[in-house]
Amino acid sequence: MDLDHARTVAVEAAEAAGALLLEGTRGALGVRAKGDAGDVVTDLDLASEKLLLERILTAYPSHSVIAEESGLVGAAGGEWTWLVDPLDGTNNVAIGLPAYVVGVALCRGGRPVLGVVHDPVSAQTWSAIRGRGALSSSGVRLAPPYVESPHGPLLAWTQGYGVTRDDATVRALKAALELNARRVLQLWAPLLSWAMLARGDIDGIVGYRAEAVDLPAGALLAREAGIEIRALDGGPFEEGIDGTAEDRSFVAAHPRAVPGLLALLRRAQ
């Protein structure tokens, strides 16, 4: 498997989907409800996903794809599986907030080996191949420094769709973050948060039962930029597609910042 070629396919597909989204957000949106938790889906989600599926399956017809809206395309359990988030930040787009990205990951045996995040608004793309670092679209290697603020860290929070509003663990964790962090961002676009962390724009991410489709691309990008990711109990964390929502709660930050964040959250649980 030529991962450099796979990266080219993924980047070109994500950027083409991004151009479609950017143009589509300038006009009227078709928005409708999705599920019972207040989420929405737009015509742009579906159009972007269609483009991404066509590009990926044309290049790799024997591979499987798990897409945000279509679910599994192809046979389950194969060696190579692509993950597609055609519009991460749909709720933002629905209210006219220009904070959204396109995410693509390639997994081998359930573990991501390639991740791509494209931001149509800033016209930037970030990608990573496992063991080979994370790069910006200009070829600059991502390696955010550790900068400690006397006012506390700047963090992002993300949670899965299935998390209820009365979840006691969520309330405790978020209360601890609000008390100890300089700011806590809730961007409604987890992949955008991962890109910001990999660039060094924010200090960390706390995730609770995150979604499986968008997690691997962003987590791989961050890891390859030098970010450490741990489970909330401090144990190892695997950003693969296997497991359940219970396995997708984590802390991600510069290695020097992780112990302090874990201690903060441990006191809250």
Protein backbone atom coordinates (compact mmCIF):
# COMPACT_ATOMS: atom_id res chain seq x y z
CA MET A 1 0.00 0.00 0.00
CA ASP A 2 1.50 3.32 -1.10
CA LEU A 3 0.48 5.68 1.73
CA ASP A 4 1.91 8.70 -0.07
CA HIS A 5 -0.47 8.05 -2.96
CA ALA A 6 -3.31 7.46 -0.48
CA ARG A 7 -2.53 10.82 1.13
CA THR A 8 -2.68 12.51 -2.28
CA VAL A 9 -6.06 10.90 -3.00
CA ALA A 10 -7.40 11.90 0.43
CA VAL A 11 -6.11 15.46 0.28
CA GLU A 12 -7.44 16.07 -3.22
CA ALA A 13 -10.82 14.56 -2.30
CA ALA A 14 -11.08 16.59 0.92
CA GLU A 15 -10.15 19.82 -0.86
CA ALA A 16 -12.66 19.17 -3.64
CA ALA A 17 -15.34 18.53 -1.03
CA GLY A 18 -14.26 21.69 0.77
CA ALA A 19 -14.69 23.75 -2.39
CA LEU A 20 -18.19 22.33 -2.76
CA LEU A 21 -19.00 23.24 0.85
CA LEU A 22 -17.57 26.74 0.59
CA GLU A 23 -19.65 27.47 -2.48
CA GLY A 24 -22.76 25.87 -0.98
CA THR A 25 -22.64 27.88 2.24
CA ARG A 26 -23.05 31.06 0.19
CA GLY A 27 -26.57 30.05 -0.79
CA ALA A 28 -29.71 28.71 0.83
CA LEU A 29 -29.27 25.52 2.85
CA GLY A 30 -31.56 22.52 3.00
CA VAL A 31 -31.53 21.63 6.71
CA ARG A 32 -33.46 18.86 8.40
CA ALA A 33 -33.45 17.07 11.74
CA LYS A 34 -31.18 14.10 12.33
CA GLY A 35 -31.95 11.77 15.23
CA ASP A 36 -33.71 12.64 18.46
CA ALA A 37 -31.03 14.76 20.16
CA GLY A 38 -31.45 17.98 18.21
CA ASP A 39 -28.76 17.29 15.61
CA VAL A 40 -29.22 18.31 11.97
CA VAL A 41 -28.04 17.28 8.51
CA THR A 42 -27.87 19.49 5.41
CA ASP A 43 -27.88 18.90 1.69
CA LEU A 44 -24.21 19.89 1.77
CA ASP A 45 -23.34 16.96 4.07
CA LEU A 46 -24.82 14.57 1.53
CA ALA A 47 -23.26 16.22 -1.53
CA SER A 48 -19.82 16.35 0.10
CA GLU A 49 -20.07 12.73 1.20
CA LYS A 50 -21.08 11.61 -2.29
CA LEU A 51 -18.03 13.32 -3.77
CA LEU A 52 -15.69 11.81 -1.18
CA LEU A 53 -17.07 8.30 -1.62
CA GLU A 54 -16.74 8.52 -5.40
CA ARG A 55 -13.13 9.74 -5.19
CA ILE A 56 -12.02 7.16 -2.64
CA LEU A 57 -13.79 4.15 -4.09
CA THR A 58 -12.63 5.00 -7.61
CA ALA A 59 -9.05 4.95 -6.36
CA TYR A 60 -9.53 1.98 -4.01
CA PRO A 61 -12.55 -0.07 -5.11
CA SER A 62 -11.69 -3.04 -2.87
CA HIS A 63 -11.57 -0.94 0.31
CA SER A 64 -14.43 -0.33 2.73
CA VAL A 65 -15.66 3.11 3.77
CA ILE A 66 -17.49 4.20 6.90
CA ALA A 67 -19.14 7.55 6.21
CA GLU A 68 -20.96 9.89 8.58
CA GLU A 69 -24.27 9.76 6.73
CA SER A 70 -24.12 6.56 4.65
CA GLY A 71 -22.62 4.26 7.26
CA LEU A 72 -20.65 1.25 6.02
CA VAL A 73 -20.04 1.02 2.28
CA GLY A 74 -18.47 -2.30 1.30
CA ALA A 75 -17.69 -5.35 3.41
CA ALA A 76 -16.95 -5.02 7.12
CA GLY A 77 -13.79 -6.40 8.69
CA GLY A 78 -11.43 -5.86 5.75
CA GLU A 79 -7.79 -4.85 6.08
CA TRP A 80 -8.34 -1.30 4.81
CA THR A 81 -11.19 0.98 5.91
CA TRP A 82 -11.64 4.67 5.15
CA LEU A 83 -13.49 7.00 7.52
CA VAL A 84 -15.27 10.00 6.01
CA ASP A 85 -16.68 13.02 7.81
CA PRO A 86 -17.97 15.15 4.93
CA LEU A 87 -18.89 18.18 7.04
CA ASP A 88 -17.64 18.32 10.61
CA GLY A 89 -19.48 21.30 12.05
CA THR A 90 -22.89 20.90 10.42
CA ASN A 91 -24.65 22.72 13.25
CA ASN A 92 -22.29 25.67 12.77
CA VAL A 93 -23.03 25.83 9.05
CA ALA A 94 -26.76 25.64 9.77
CA ILE A 95 -26.60 28.87 11.81
CA GLY A 96 -24.17 30.64 9.50
CA LEU A 97 -21.03 30.17 11.61
CA PRO A 98 -17.99 29.55 9.34
CA ALA A 99 -16.31 26.93 11.54
CA TYR A 100 -16.28 23.55 9.81
CA VAL A 101 -13.86 21.09 8.20
CA VAL A 102 -13.71 17.92 6.12
CA GLY A 103 -12.06 14.85 7.63
CA VAL A 104 -10.72 11.66 6.04
CA ALA A 105 -8.83 8.79 7.65
CA LEU A 106 -7.50 5.47 6.40
CA CYS A 107 -7.32 2.61 8.89
CA ARG A 108 -5.51 -0.68 8.62
CA GLY A 109 -6.89 -3.37 10.86
CA GLY A 110 -8.99 -0.74 12.63
CA ARG A 111 -6.02 1.52 13.43
CA PRO A 112 -5.53 4.84 11.58
CA VAL A 113 -2.42 5.10 9.42
CA LEU A 114 -3.42 8.25 7.52
CA GLY A 115 -5.38 11.30 8.57
CA VAL A 116 -6.42 14.42 6.63
CA VAL A 117 -8.26 17.51 7.86
CA HIS A 118 -9.19 20.30 5.44
CA ASP A 119 -10.53 23.72 6.42
CA PRO A 120 -12.35 25.28 3.44
CA VAL A 121 -12.66 28.69 5.15
CA SER A 122 -8.92 29.19 5.66
CA ALA A 123 -7.99 27.06 2.63
CA GLN A 124 -5.62 25.00 4.76
CA THR A 125 -5.09 21.26 4.87
CA TRP A 126 -3.23 19.19 7.46
CA SER A 127 -2.25 15.56 7.04
CA ALA A 128 -0.36 12.83 8.85
CA ILE A 129 0.98 9.36 8.10
CA ARG A 130 1.65 7.19 11.13
CA GLY A 131 5.28 7.36 12.15
CA ARG A 132 6.10 10.11 9.65
CA GLY A 133 4.89 13.29 11.34
CA ALA A 134 2.13 15.78 10.63
CA LEU A 135 2.34 18.36 7.86
CA SER A 136 0.58 21.55 6.82
CA SER A 137 -0.47 22.03 3.19
CA SER A 138 2.74 23.99 2.63
CA GLY A 139 4.83 21.06 3.84
CA VAL A 140 5.73 22.54 7.23
CA ARG A 141 6.01 19.94 10.00
CA LEU A 142 3.63 20.51 12.90
CA ALA A 143 5.32 20.49 16.32
CA PRO A 144 3.58 22.81 18.83
CA PRO A 145 5.76 23.97 21.74
CA TYR A 146 4.82 23.74 25.40
CA VAL A 147 3.78 27.14 26.73
CA GLU A 148 2.41 27.31 30.26
CA SER A 149 -0.04 30.13 31.02
CA PRO A 150 -0.43 31.57 34.53
CA HIS A 151 -4.15 31.83 33.81
CA GLY A 152 -4.66 28.15 33.05
CA PRO A 153 -4.85 26.22 29.77
CA LEU A 154 -6.98 27.00 26.73
CA LEU A 155 -8.97 23.81 26.14
CA ALA A 156 -11.58 22.39 23.82
CA TRP A 157 -14.36 20.06 24.91
CA THR A 158 -16.00 17.43 22.70
CA GLN A 159 -18.59 14.77 23.37
CA GLY A 160 -20.53 12.17 21.41
CA TYR A 161 -24.06 12.58 20.12
CA GLY A 162 -25.38 9.97 22.52
CA VAL A 163 -24.33 11.82 25.67
CA THR A 164 -27.36 13.12 27.52
CA ARG A 165 -27.65 16.57 29.09
CA ASP A 166 -28.09 15.15 32.58
CA ASP A 167 -24.95 12.97 32.46
CA ALA A 168 -23.40 13.41 35.92
CA THR A 169 -19.84 12.73 34.73
CA VAL A 170 -20.11 15.39 32.04
CA ARG A 171 -21.37 17.94 34.54
CA ALA A 172 -18.49 17.21 36.92
CA LEU A 173 -15.82 17.26 34.23
CA LYS A 174 -17.05 20.47 32.62
CA ALA A 175 -17.38 22.20 35.98
CA ALA A 176 -13.75 21.32 36.79
CA LEU A 177 -12.60 22.63 33.42
CA GLU A 178 -14.54 25.88 33.75
CA LEU A 179 -12.98 26.49 37.17
CA ASN A 180 -9.41 25.76 36.16
CA ALA A 181 -9.04 26.58 32.47
CA ARG A 182 -8.51 29.98 30.92
CA ARG A 183 -11.19 29.20 28.33
CA VAL A 184 -13.15 26.08 27.35
CA LEU A 185 -14.17 26.01 23.69
CA GLN A 186 -17.10 23.96 22.44
CA LEU A 187 -16.70 24.24 18.69
CA TRP A 188 -19.23 21.62 17.53
CA ALA A 189 -16.47 20.51 15.12
CA PRO A 190 -14.07 18.07 16.83
CA LEU A 191 -11.73 17.79 13.85
CA LEU A 192 -11.26 21.55 13.88
CA SER A 193 -10.26 21.29 17.55
CA TRP A 194 -7.74 18.55 16.70
CA ALA A 195 -6.20 20.70 13.96
CA MET A 196 -5.96 23.65 16.37
CA LEU A 197 -4.24 21.44 18.95
CA ALA A 198 -1.80 20.05 16.38
CA ARG A 199 -0.93 23.62 15.33
CA GLY A 200 -0.54 24.84 18.90
CA ASP A 201 -3.51 27.24 18.87
CA ILE A 202 -5.03 25.57 21.94
CA ASP A 203 -3.42 23.68 24.83
CA GLY A 204 -5.56 20.56 25.02
CA ILE A 205 -8.76 18.68 24.29
CA VAL A 206 -10.96 16.74 26.69
CA GLY A 207 -13.27 14.26 25.02
CA TYR A 208 -16.12 12.23 26.46
CA ARG A 209 -17.52 9.29 24.50
CA ALA A 210 -16.40 10.86 21.24
CA GLU A 211 -17.73 9.78 17.85
CA ALA A 212 -15.76 7.08 16.03
CA VAL A 213 -15.92 8.56 12.52
CA ASP A 214 -14.13 11.84 13.20
CA LEU A 215 -11.83 10.79 16.05
CA PRO A 216 -9.10 8.79 14.23
CA ALA A 217 -8.10 11.43 11.65
CA GLY A 218 -7.79 14.20 14.23
CA ALA A 219 -6.12 12.08 16.89
CA LEU A 220 -3.53 10.76 14.45
CA LEU A 221 -2.80 14.30 13.25
CA ALA A 222 -2.26 15.43 16.84
CA ARG A 223 -0.15 12.41 17.83
CA GLU A 224 2.12 12.88 14.85
CA ALA A 225 2.55 16.54 15.86
CA GLY A 226 3.83 15.38 19.26
CA ILE A 227 0.62 15.50 21.26
CA GLU A 228 0.04 12.85 23.93
CA ILE A 229 -3.40 11.26 24.30
CA ARG A 230 -4.49 9.39 27.41
CA ALA A 231 -7.71 7.84 28.67
CA LEU A 232 -9.38 9.83 31.45
CA ASP A 233 -7.94 7.42 34.04
CA GLY A 234 -4.44 8.06 32.72
CA GLY A 235 -4.18 4.74 30.91
CA PRO A 236 -3.30 4.21 27.24
CA PHE A 237 -5.69 5.44 24.57
CA GLU A 238 -6.19 3.94 21.13
CA GLU A 239 -7.81 6.09 18.44
CA GLY A 240 -9.02 3.13 16.36
CA ILE A 241 -12.49 2.33 15.09
CA ASP A 242 -13.01 -0.70 17.31
CA GLY A 243 -14.53 -0.59 20.79
CA THR A 244 -17.49 1.34 22.14
CA ALA A 245 -18.22 4.94 23.09
CA GLU A 246 -17.02 4.09 26.60
CA ASP A 247 -13.54 3.61 25.15
CA ARG A 248 -13.47 7.03 23.48
CA SER A 249 -13.03 9.37 26.46
CA PHE A 250 -9.64 11.04 26.60
CA VAL A 251 -7.30 13.90 27.43
CA ALA A 252 -5.00 15.22 24.68
CA ALA A 253 -2.25 17.78 25.24
CA HIS A 254 1.48 18.39 25.08
CA PRO A 255 3.21 15.60 27.09
CA ARG A 256 4.32 18.09 29.74
CA ALA A 257 0.73 19.31 30.24
CA VAL A 258 -0.99 15.91 30.41
CA PRO A 259 -0.22 15.06 34.08
CA GLY A 260 -1.74 18.32 35.33
CA LEU A 261 -4.87 17.89 33.22
CA LEU A 262 -5.33 14.31 34.36
CA ALA A 263 -4.95 15.34 38.01
CA LEU A 264 -7.52 18.09 37.54
CA LEU A 265 -10.04 15.73 35.96
CA ARG A 266 -9.36 12.94 38.44
CA ARG A 267 -10.48 15.20 41.28
CA ALA A 268 -13.74 15.86 39.44
CA GLN A 269 -14.75 12.22 38.92
